[in-house]
């Protein structure tokens, strides 16, 4: 069992209130709140997973995560989703970015969390492929296709990691 140590960031997610699930987008579609985990190793590599068959955008690469259920905090949802999807227990995470994307099947608000401490070796529990992307490849990963909402996350993450290494 692997353990990734914390990079020393504070643990603020557990104090956040649960998400309001009644909000609508500007077009009137319900907003689906999603917890997204960016597993970040000390060498600044990140984990991506390939969407399994039977889901919209099957075969596309994305960060692990899923819907925030009613009454869940962001951290609760992140922990549940990463346990269910890739078999890791989240110890430490921080919300990094929130973006919205309008897919044909859903309007999503993605709460992107950098996960710096976890227990377990990531394993695709939904028969999805997983791949670690090195820091030098984050801006243009060789994995393709990339889920549309994942592209701006990769760009912001690359910028953030460039600044953080200074």
C-alpha atoms as a PDB file:
ATOM      1  CA  UNK A   1       0.000   0.000   0.000  1.00  0.00           C
ATOM      2  CA  UNK A   2       1.431   3.348  -1.051  1.00  0.00           C
ATOM      3  CA  UNK A   3       1.176   6.511   0.995  1.00  0.00           C
ATOM      4  CA  UNK A   4       1.743   9.921  -0.524  1.00  0.00           C
ATOM      5  CA  UNK A   5       2.785  12.487   2.044  1.00  0.00           C
ATOM      6  CA  UNK A   6       1.185  15.893   2.374  1.00  0.00           C
ATOM      7  CA  UNK A   7       2.936  18.883   0.819  1.00  0.00           C
ATOM      8  CA  UNK A   8       1.962  20.898   3.894  1.00  0.00           C
ATOM      9  CA  UNK A   9      -1.172  22.631   2.598  1.00  0.00           C
ATOM     10  CA  UNK A  10      -3.938  23.387   5.052  1.00  0.00           C
ATOM     11  CA  UNK A  11      -7.012  21.197   5.355  1.00  0.00           C
ATOM     12  CA  UNK A  12      -9.895  23.567   4.737  1.00  0.00           C
ATOM     13  CA  UNK A  13     -12.303  21.338   2.810  1.00  0.00           C
ATOM     14  CA  UNK A  14     -13.673  19.543   5.851  1.00  0.00           C
ATOM     15  CA  UNK A  15     -14.982  22.855   7.183  1.00  0.00           C
ATOM     16  CA  UNK A  16     -16.874  23.748   4.020  1.00  0.00           C
ATOM     17  CA  UNK A  17     -20.681  23.474   4.123  1.00  0.00           C
ATOM     18  CA  UNK A  18     -22.558  21.080   1.894  1.00  0.00           C
ATOM     19  CA  UNK A  19     -23.349  22.181  -1.658  1.00  0.00           C
ATOM     20  CA  UNK A  20     -26.742  23.666  -2.628  1.00  0.00           C
ATOM     21  CA  UNK A  21     -28.149  21.385  -5.347  1.00  0.00           C
ATOM     22  CA  UNK A  22     -31.067  23.606  -6.405  1.00  0.00           C
ATOM     23  CA  UNK A  23     -29.093  26.068  -8.534  1.00  0.00           C
ATOM     24  CA  UNK A  24     -29.770  26.464 -12.262  1.00  0.00           C
ATOM     25  CA  UNK A  25     -27.408  27.577 -15.027  1.00  0.00           C
ATOM     26  CA  UNK A  26     -28.091  30.740 -17.038  1.00  0.00           C
ATOM     27  CA  UNK A  27     -29.810  28.537 -19.620  1.00  0.00           C
ATOM     28  CA  UNK A  28     -32.083  27.070 -16.928  1.00  0.00           C
ATOM     29  CA  UNK A  29     -30.432  23.662 -16.794  1.00  0.00           C
ATOM     30  CA  UNK A  30     -29.735  22.163 -13.356  1.00  0.00           C
ATOM     31  CA  UNK A  31     -26.134  22.592 -12.222  1.00  0.00           C
ATOM     32  CA  UNK A  32     -24.485  19.258 -11.404  1.00  0.00           C
ATOM     33  CA  UNK A  33     -21.903  19.803  -8.665  1.00  0.00           C
ATOM     34  CA  UNK A  34     -18.836  17.586  -9.123  1.00  0.00           C
ATOM     35  CA  UNK A  35     -15.842  16.879  -6.878  1.00  0.00           C
ATOM     36  CA  UNK A  36     -12.664  16.414  -8.924  1.00  0.00           C
ATOM     37  CA  UNK A  37      -9.403  15.081  -7.485  1.00  0.00           C
ATOM     38  CA  UNK A  38      -5.992  16.011  -8.871  1.00  0.00           C
ATOM     39  CA  UNK A  39      -3.647  13.528  -7.228  1.00  0.00           C
ATOM     40  CA  UNK A  40      -0.310  15.339  -7.107  1.00  0.00           C
ATOM     41  CA  UNK A  41       2.874  13.427  -6.289  1.00  0.00           C
ATOM     42  CA  UNK A  42       5.931  15.118  -4.811  1.00  0.00           C
ATOM     43  CA  UNK A  43       7.582  14.979  -8.280  1.00  0.00           C
ATOM     44  CA  UNK A  44       4.567  17.020  -9.527  1.00  0.00           C
ATOM     45  CA  UNK A  45       3.160  14.212 -11.667  1.00  0.00           C
ATOM     46  CA  UNK A  46      -0.637  13.967 -11.780  1.00  0.00           C
ATOM     47  CA  UNK A  47      -3.105  11.125 -12.277  1.00  0.00           C
ATOM     48  CA  UNK A  48      -5.599  10.909 -15.131  1.00  0.00           C
ATOM     49  CA  UNK A  49      -8.177   8.203 -15.743  1.00  0.00           C
ATOM     50  CA  UNK A  50      -9.881   7.077 -18.932  1.00  0.00           C
ATOM     51  CA  UNK A  51     -13.685   7.146 -18.855  1.00  0.00           C
ATOM     52  CA  UNK A  52     -15.047   3.594 -18.993  1.00  0.00           C
ATOM     53  CA  UNK A  53     -17.456   2.149 -21.538  1.00  0.00           C
ATOM     54  CA  UNK A  54     -21.105   2.960 -20.885  1.00  0.00           C
ATOM     55  CA  UNK A  55     -20.466   6.527 -19.688  1.00  0.00           C
ATOM     56  CA  UNK A  56     -20.753   9.686 -21.781  1.00  0.00           C
ATOM     57  CA  UNK A  57     -17.418  10.422 -23.467  1.00  0.00           C
ATOM     58  CA  UNK A  58     -16.178   6.840 -22.971  1.00  0.00           C
ATOM     59  CA  UNK A  59     -12.460   6.612 -23.733  1.00  0.00           C
ATOM     60  CA  UNK A  60     -11.742  10.271 -22.923  1.00  0.00           C
ATOM     61  CA  UNK A  61      -9.132  11.096 -20.270  1.00  0.00           C
ATOM     62  CA  UNK A  62     -10.118  13.072 -17.159  1.00  0.00           C
ATOM     63  CA  UNK A  63      -9.333  13.550 -13.501  1.00  0.00           C
ATOM     64  CA  UNK A  64     -11.060  11.138 -11.106  1.00  0.00           C
ATOM     65  CA  UNK A  65     -14.143  12.311  -9.233  1.00  0.00           C
ATOM     66  CA  UNK A  66     -17.901  12.462  -9.411  1.00  0.00           C
ATOM     67  CA  UNK A  67     -21.165  14.031  -8.332  1.00  0.00           C
ATOM     68  CA  UNK A  68     -21.523  15.663  -4.938  1.00  0.00           C
ATOM     69  CA  UNK A  69     -24.592  14.110  -3.318  1.00  0.00           C
ATOM     70  CA  UNK A  70     -27.153  16.129  -1.340  1.00  0.00           C
ATOM     71  CA  UNK A  71     -25.905  16.790   2.197  1.00  0.00           C
ATOM     72  CA  UNK A  72     -22.256  16.005   1.364  1.00  0.00           C
ATOM     73  CA  UNK A  73     -19.432  18.458   1.820  1.00  0.00           C
ATOM     74  CA  UNK A  74     -16.901  18.761  -0.972  1.00  0.00           C
ATOM     75  CA  UNK A  75     -14.364  16.774   1.065  1.00  0.00           C
ATOM     76  CA  UNK A  76     -16.920  14.047   1.860  1.00  0.00           C
ATOM     77  CA  UNK A  77     -17.746  13.688  -1.832  1.00  0.00           C
ATOM     78  CA  UNK A  78     -14.107  13.763  -2.885  1.00  0.00           C
ATOM     79  CA  UNK A  79     -13.215  11.043  -0.381  1.00  0.00           C
ATOM     80  CA  UNK A  80     -16.180   8.870  -1.401  1.00  0.00           C
ATOM     81  CA  UNK A  81     -15.640   9.256  -5.134  1.00  0.00           C
ATOM     82  CA  UNK A  82     -11.897   8.564  -5.052  1.00  0.00           C
ATOM     83  CA  UNK A  83     -12.439   5.528  -2.808  1.00  0.00           C
ATOM     84  CA  UNK A  84     -15.127   4.171  -5.161  1.00  0.00           C
ATOM     85  CA  UNK A  85     -13.350   5.023  -8.402  1.00  0.00           C
ATOM     86  CA  UNK A  86      -9.623   4.529  -7.789  1.00  0.00           C
ATOM     87  CA  UNK A  87      -9.402   2.907  -4.333  1.00  0.00           C
ATOM     88  CA  UNK A  88      -7.491   5.636  -2.500  1.00  0.00           C
ATOM     89  CA  UNK A  89      -8.268   7.215   0.871  1.00  0.00           C
ATOM     90  CA  UNK A  90      -7.872  10.997   0.774  1.00  0.00           C
ATOM     91  CA  UNK A  91      -6.041  12.476   3.770  1.00  0.00           C
ATOM     92  CA  UNK A  92      -5.365  16.022   2.586  1.00  0.00           C
ATOM     93  CA  UNK A  93      -6.841  18.143  -0.202  1.00  0.00           C
ATOM     94  CA  UNK A  94      -7.456  21.784  -1.086  1.00  0.00           C
ATOM     95  CA  UNK A  95      -9.918  23.279  -3.514  1.00  0.00           C
ATOM     96  CA  UNK A  96      -7.821  24.762  -6.296  1.00  0.00           C
ATOM     97  CA  UNK A  97     -10.246  25.933  -8.935  1.00  0.00           C
ATOM     98  CA  UNK A  98     -13.947  25.944  -9.811  1.00  0.00           C
ATOM     99  CA  UNK A  99     -14.992  25.846 -13.445  1.00  0.00           C
ATOM    100  CA  UNK A 100     -18.282  25.301 -15.225  1.00  0.00           C
ATOM    101  CA  UNK A 101     -18.810  23.429 -18.464  1.00  0.00           C
ATOM    102  CA  UNK A 102     -21.936  22.900 -20.548  1.00  0.00           C
ATOM    103  CA  UNK A 103     -21.919  19.351 -21.960  1.00  0.00           C
ATOM    104  CA  UNK A 104     -24.789  18.060 -24.112  1.00  0.00           C
ATOM    105  CA  UNK A 105     -25.763  15.612 -21.329  1.00  0.00           C
ATOM    106  CA  UNK A 106     -25.217  17.904 -18.300  1.00  0.00           C
ATOM    107  CA  UNK A 107     -24.227  21.356 -17.100  1.00  0.00           C
ATOM    108  CA  UNK A 108     -21.442  20.770 -14.552  1.00  0.00           C
ATOM    109  CA  UNK A 109     -19.675  22.860 -11.945  1.00  0.00           C
ATOM    110  CA  UNK A 110     -16.337  21.219 -11.260  1.00  0.00           C
ATOM    111  CA  UNK A 111     -14.710  21.754  -7.863  1.00  0.00           C
ATOM    112  CA  UNK A 112     -11.103  20.855  -8.605  1.00  0.00           C
ATOM    113  CA  UNK A 113      -9.184  19.776  -5.527  1.00  0.00           C
ATOM    114  CA  UNK A 114      -5.470  19.151  -5.321  1.00  0.00           C
ATOM    115  CA  UNK A 115      -4.974  15.974  -3.315  1.00  0.00           C
ATOM    116  CA  UNK A 116      -1.556  15.962  -1.677  1.00  0.00           C
ATOM    117  CA  UNK A 117      -1.925  13.135   0.802  1.00  0.00           C
ATOM    118  CA  UNK A 118      -3.604   9.786   0.281  1.00  0.00           C
ATOM    119  CA  UNK A 119      -3.312   6.155   1.246  1.00  0.00           C
ATOM    120  CA  UNK A 120      -3.362   3.402  -1.364  1.00  0.00           C
ATOM    121  CA  UNK A 121      -2.078   2.797  -4.853  1.00  0.00           C
ATOM    122  CA  UNK A 122      -4.564   4.151  -7.412  1.00  0.00           C
ATOM    123  CA  UNK A 123      -6.375   1.315  -9.176  1.00  0.00           C
ATOM    124  CA  UNK A 124      -9.176   1.634 -11.731  1.00  0.00           C
ATOM    125  CA  UNK A 125     -12.144   0.055  -9.941  1.00  0.00           C
ATOM    126  CA  UNK A 126     -14.491   0.829 -12.864  1.00  0.00           C
ATOM    127  CA  UNK A 127     -12.245  -0.973 -15.385  1.00  0.00           C
ATOM    128  CA  UNK A 128     -10.765   2.352 -16.446  1.00  0.00           C
ATOM    129  CA  UNK A 129      -7.134   2.863 -17.425  1.00  0.00           C
ATOM    130  CA  UNK A 130      -5.069   5.169 -15.194  1.00  0.00           C
ATOM    131  CA  UNK A 131      -1.896   7.042 -16.121  1.00  0.00           C
ATOM    132  CA  UNK A 132       0.523   9.327 -14.299  1.00  0.00           C
ATOM    133  CA  UNK A 133       1.412  12.431 -16.324  1.00  0.00           C
ATOM    134  CA  UNK A 134       4.806  13.991 -15.639  1.00  0.00           C
ATOM    135  CA  UNK A 135       5.038  17.721 -14.876  1.00  0.00           C
ATOM    136  CA  UNK A 136       6.816  18.386 -18.179  1.00  0.00           C
ATOM    137  CA  UNK A 137       3.871  16.848 -20.073  1.00  0.00           C
ATOM    138  CA  UNK A 138       0.942  18.450 -18.214  1.00  0.00           C
ATOM    139  CA  UNK A 139       0.485  21.253 -20.748  1.00  0.00           C
ATOM    140  CA  UNK A 140       0.268  18.736 -23.632  1.00  0.00           C
ATOM    141  CA  UNK A 141      -0.259  15.193 -22.380  1.00  0.00           C
ATOM    142  CA  UNK A 142       0.270  12.371 -24.874  1.00  0.00           C
ATOM    143  CA  UNK A 143      -3.026  10.843 -23.740  1.00  0.00           C
ATOM    144  CA  UNK A 144      -5.849  11.522 -26.154  1.00  0.00           C
ATOM    145  CA  UNK A 145      -8.681  12.379 -26.331  1.00  0.00           C
ATOM    146  CA  UNK A 146      -8.947  14.658 -23.300  1.00  0.00           C
ATOM    147  CA  UNK A 147     -12.384  15.460 -21.863  1.00  0.00           C
ATOM    148  CA  UNK A 148     -13.229  19.072 -22.883  1.00  0.00           C
ATOM    149  CA  UNK A 149     -13.539  20.413 -19.320  1.00  0.00           C
ATOM    150  CA  UNK A 150     -10.206  18.779 -18.404  1.00  0.00           C
ATOM    151  CA  UNK A 151      -8.198  20.918 -20.832  1.00  0.00           C
ATOM    152  CA  UNK A 152      -8.558  24.240 -18.940  1.00  0.00           C
ATOM    153  CA  UNK A 153      -7.792  22.433 -15.674  1.00  0.00           C
ATOM    154  CA  UNK A 154      -4.532  21.133 -17.147  1.00  0.00           C
ATOM    155  CA  UNK A 155      -3.614  24.638 -18.337  1.00  0.00           C
ATOM    156  CA  UNK A 156      -4.275  26.247 -14.930  1.00  0.00           C
ATOM    157  CA  UNK A 157      -2.512  23.409 -13.130  1.00  0.00           C
ATOM    158  CA  UNK A 158       0.547  23.758 -15.359  1.00  0.00           C
ATOM    159  CA  UNK A 159       0.673  27.519 -14.672  1.00  0.00           C
ATOM    160  CA  UNK A 160       0.251  26.930 -10.932  1.00  0.00           C
ATOM    161  CA  UNK A 161       3.022  24.334 -10.784  1.00  0.00           C
ATOM    162  CA  UNK A 162       5.368  26.609 -12.753  1.00  0.00           C
ATOM    163  CA  UNK A 163       4.825  29.392 -10.201  1.00  0.00           C
ATOM    164  CA  UNK A 164       5.034  26.988  -7.232  1.00  0.00           C
ATOM    165  CA  UNK A 165       8.476  25.692  -8.226  1.00  0.00           C
ATOM    166  CA  UNK A 166      10.025  29.182  -8.111  1.00  0.00           C
END
